[in-house]
């Protein structure tokens, strides 16, 4: 049997954003790693969204940080 290295843990960000329709929302989103987050961030900006702020959080079920 082939031994695999430990799977990296997920990272979570609380994100405030405006989508291309002008609707504002705040979400907590799960990413595989920082590169995944960076690619998603670029995709949203290219398609008319605007990221207002991001904060790294401990888990998907965390409370939103102050100010979001």
N, C-alpha and C. Protein backbone atom coordinates (compact mmCIF):
# COMPACT_ATOMS: atom_id res chain seq x y z
N UNK A 1 0.84 -1.18 0.00
CA UNK A 1 0.00 0.00 0.00
C UNK A 1 0.89 1.25 0.00
N UNK A 2 0.52 2.23 -0.79
CA UNK A 2 1.28 3.47 -0.91
C UNK A 2 0.91 4.41 0.24
N UNK A 3 1.93 4.92 0.88
CA UNK A 3 1.71 5.86 1.97
C UNK A 3 1.61 7.28 1.41
N UNK A 4 0.56 7.97 1.78
CA UNK A 4 0.36 9.36 1.34
C UNK A 4 0.69 10.31 2.48
N UNK A 5 1.28 11.45 2.15
CA UNK A 5 1.51 12.43 3.22
C UNK A 5 0.18 12.94 3.77
N UNK A 6 0.23 13.46 4.97
CA UNK A 6 -1.00 13.99 5.58
C UNK A 6 -1.62 15.07 4.70
N UNK A 7 -2.92 15.01 4.60
CA UNK A 7 -3.65 16.00 3.82
C UNK A 7 -3.57 17.35 4.52
N UNK A 8 -3.26 18.43 3.80
CA UNK A 8 -3.20 19.73 4.47
C UNK A 8 -4.59 20.14 4.98
N UNK A 9 -4.60 20.88 6.06
CA UNK A 9 -5.86 21.32 6.61
C UNK A 9 -6.42 22.47 5.78
N UNK A 10 -7.70 22.62 5.82
CA UNK A 10 -8.37 23.70 5.10
C UNK A 10 -8.14 25.02 5.84
N UNK A 11 -8.27 26.12 5.10
CA UNK A 11 -8.21 27.44 5.72
C UNK A 11 -9.55 28.13 5.47
N UNK A 12 -9.93 29.02 6.35
CA UNK A 12 -11.24 29.68 6.29
C UNK A 12 -11.05 31.18 6.34
N UNK A 13 -11.84 31.89 5.54
CA UNK A 13 -11.82 33.35 5.53
C UNK A 13 -13.24 33.88 5.67
N UNK A 14 -13.40 34.90 6.51
CA UNK A 14 -14.64 35.68 6.55
C UNK A 14 -14.45 36.78 5.50
N UNK A 15 -15.39 36.86 4.57
CA UNK A 15 -15.24 37.75 3.42
C UNK A 15 -16.46 38.65 3.30
N UNK A 16 -16.21 39.96 3.20
CA UNK A 16 -17.27 40.92 2.89
C UNK A 16 -17.08 41.31 1.44
N UNK A 17 -18.16 41.25 0.67
CA UNK A 17 -18.01 41.52 -0.75
C UNK A 17 -19.27 42.13 -1.36
N UNK A 18 -19.08 42.72 -2.54
CA UNK A 18 -20.20 43.21 -3.34
C UNK A 18 -20.13 42.41 -4.64
N UNK A 19 -21.24 41.77 -5.02
CA UNK A 19 -21.21 41.00 -6.26
C UNK A 19 -21.47 41.90 -7.46
N UNK A 20 -21.45 41.34 -8.64
CA UNK A 20 -21.58 42.12 -9.87
C UNK A 20 -22.96 42.77 -10.02
N UNK A 21 -23.95 42.33 -9.24
CA UNK A 21 -25.29 42.92 -9.28
C UNK A 21 -25.46 44.05 -8.27
N UNK A 22 -24.44 44.31 -7.46
CA UNK A 22 -24.50 45.39 -6.48
C UNK A 22 -24.97 44.97 -5.11
N UNK A 23 -25.19 43.68 -4.90
CA UNK A 23 -25.65 43.18 -3.61
C UNK A 23 -24.45 42.95 -2.69
N UNK A 24 -24.53 43.44 -1.47
CA UNK A 24 -23.47 43.26 -0.49
C UNK A 24 -23.78 42.03 0.36
N UNK A 25 -22.74 41.26 0.70
CA UNK A 25 -22.93 40.12 1.58
C UNK A 25 -21.64 39.80 2.31
N UNK A 26 -21.78 39.07 3.41
CA UNK A 26 -20.63 38.61 4.19
C UNK A 26 -20.77 37.10 4.34
N UNK A 27 -19.70 36.37 4.05
CA UNK A 27 -19.71 34.92 4.10
C UNK A 27 -18.44 34.41 4.77
N UNK A 28 -18.49 33.16 5.22
CA UNK A 28 -17.28 32.45 5.62
C UNK A 28 -17.10 31.35 4.60
N UNK A 29 -15.93 31.32 3.96
CA UNK A 29 -15.68 30.39 2.87
C UNK A 29 -14.44 29.55 3.17
N UNK A 30 -14.50 28.28 2.76
CA UNK A 30 -13.42 27.32 2.98
C UNK A 30 -12.55 27.23 1.73
N UNK A 31 -11.23 27.20 1.93
CA UNK A 31 -10.27 27.07 0.83
C UNK A 31 -9.29 25.96 1.15
N UNK A 32 -8.74 25.33 0.10
CA UNK A 32 -7.75 24.26 0.29
C UNK A 32 -6.42 24.80 0.79
N UNK A 33 -6.01 25.95 0.29
CA UNK A 33 -4.75 26.57 0.68
C UNK A 33 -4.77 28.03 0.23
N UNK A 34 -3.67 28.74 0.48
CA UNK A 34 -3.64 30.17 0.15
C UNK A 34 -3.72 30.40 -1.37
N UNK A 35 -3.15 29.52 -2.16
CA UNK A 35 -3.22 29.67 -3.62
C UNK A 35 -4.66 29.55 -4.11
N UNK A 36 -5.43 28.64 -3.53
CA UNK A 36 -6.85 28.49 -3.87
C UNK A 36 -7.60 29.79 -3.56
N UNK A 37 -7.33 30.37 -2.37
CA UNK A 37 -7.95 31.64 -2.00
C UNK A 37 -7.57 32.75 -2.99
N UNK A 38 -6.30 32.83 -3.32
CA UNK A 38 -5.82 33.86 -4.24
C UNK A 38 -6.47 33.73 -5.63
N UNK A 39 -6.60 32.51 -6.12
CA UNK A 39 -7.25 32.29 -7.42
C UNK A 39 -8.73 32.69 -7.37
N UNK A 40 -9.42 32.33 -6.29
CA UNK A 40 -10.83 32.69 -6.14
C UNK A 40 -11.00 34.21 -6.07
N UNK A 41 -10.13 34.87 -5.31
CA UNK A 41 -10.15 36.33 -5.16
C UNK A 41 -10.01 37.00 -6.53
N UNK A 42 -9.04 36.55 -7.33
CA UNK A 42 -8.83 37.09 -8.67
C UNK A 42 -10.03 36.86 -9.56
N UNK A 43 -10.62 35.66 -9.48
CA UNK A 43 -11.80 35.33 -10.28
C UNK A 43 -12.97 36.27 -9.98
N UNK A 44 -13.22 36.49 -8.68
CA UNK A 44 -14.32 37.37 -8.28
C UNK A 44 -14.09 38.78 -8.80
N UNK A 45 -12.88 39.29 -8.67
CA UNK A 45 -12.58 40.65 -9.13
C UNK A 45 -12.67 40.78 -10.65
N UNK A 46 -12.24 39.77 -11.38
CA UNK A 46 -12.32 39.79 -12.85
C UNK A 46 -13.76 39.79 -13.34
N UNK A 47 -14.67 39.20 -12.56
CA UNK A 47 -16.05 39.06 -12.99
C UNK A 47 -16.98 40.09 -12.38
N UNK A 48 -16.45 41.23 -11.98
CA UNK A 48 -17.28 42.34 -11.54
C UNK A 48 -17.55 42.44 -10.06
N UNK A 49 -17.04 41.53 -9.26
CA UNK A 49 -17.24 41.61 -7.82
C UNK A 49 -16.19 42.51 -7.19
N UNK A 50 -16.46 42.91 -5.96
CA UNK A 50 -15.49 43.73 -5.24
C UNK A 50 -15.36 43.17 -3.83
N UNK A 51 -14.14 42.83 -3.46
CA UNK A 51 -13.88 42.33 -2.11
C UNK A 51 -13.66 43.54 -1.21
N UNK A 52 -14.48 43.68 -0.18
CA UNK A 52 -14.39 44.81 0.73
C UNK A 52 -13.39 44.52 1.84
N UNK A 53 -13.39 43.28 2.33
CA UNK A 53 -12.45 42.92 3.38
C UNK A 53 -12.40 41.42 3.59
N UNK A 54 -11.27 40.93 4.07
CA UNK A 54 -11.13 39.51 4.39
C UNK A 54 -10.45 39.39 5.75
N UNK A 55 -10.84 38.36 6.49
CA UNK A 55 -10.22 38.04 7.76
C UNK A 55 -10.12 36.53 7.88
N UNK A 56 -8.94 36.03 8.21
CA UNK A 56 -8.77 34.60 8.39
C UNK A 56 -9.43 34.19 9.71
N UNK A 57 -10.25 33.13 9.69
CA UNK A 57 -10.94 32.65 10.88
C UNK A 57 -10.55 31.20 11.15
N UNK A 58 -10.86 30.72 12.35
CA UNK A 58 -10.44 29.39 12.77
C UNK A 58 -11.24 28.25 12.15
N UNK A 59 -12.56 28.45 11.95
CA UNK A 59 -13.38 27.36 11.42
C UNK A 59 -14.56 27.91 10.63
N UNK A 60 -15.21 27.01 9.94
CA UNK A 60 -16.37 27.38 9.12
C UNK A 60 -17.52 27.87 9.98
N UNK A 61 -17.55 27.48 11.23
CA UNK A 61 -18.66 27.84 12.12
C UNK A 61 -18.31 28.97 13.09
N UNK A 62 -17.24 29.71 12.79
CA UNK A 62 -16.83 30.84 13.64
C UNK A 62 -17.83 31.97 13.54
N UNK A 63 -17.89 32.79 14.57
CA UNK A 63 -18.65 34.03 14.50
C UNK A 63 -17.88 35.01 13.63
N UNK A 64 -18.60 35.91 12.98
CA UNK A 64 -17.92 36.91 12.17
C UNK A 64 -17.14 37.84 13.07
N UNK A 65 -15.94 38.25 12.62
CA UNK A 65 -15.17 39.21 13.41
C UNK A 65 -15.87 40.56 13.48
N UNK A 66 -15.48 41.38 14.43
CA UNK A 66 -16.04 42.72 14.57
C UNK A 66 -15.83 43.49 13.27
N UNK A 67 -16.82 44.26 12.88
CA UNK A 67 -16.69 45.11 11.71
C UNK A 67 -17.23 44.50 10.43
N UNK A 68 -17.61 43.23 10.43
CA UNK A 68 -18.17 42.62 9.21
C UNK A 68 -19.67 42.58 9.29
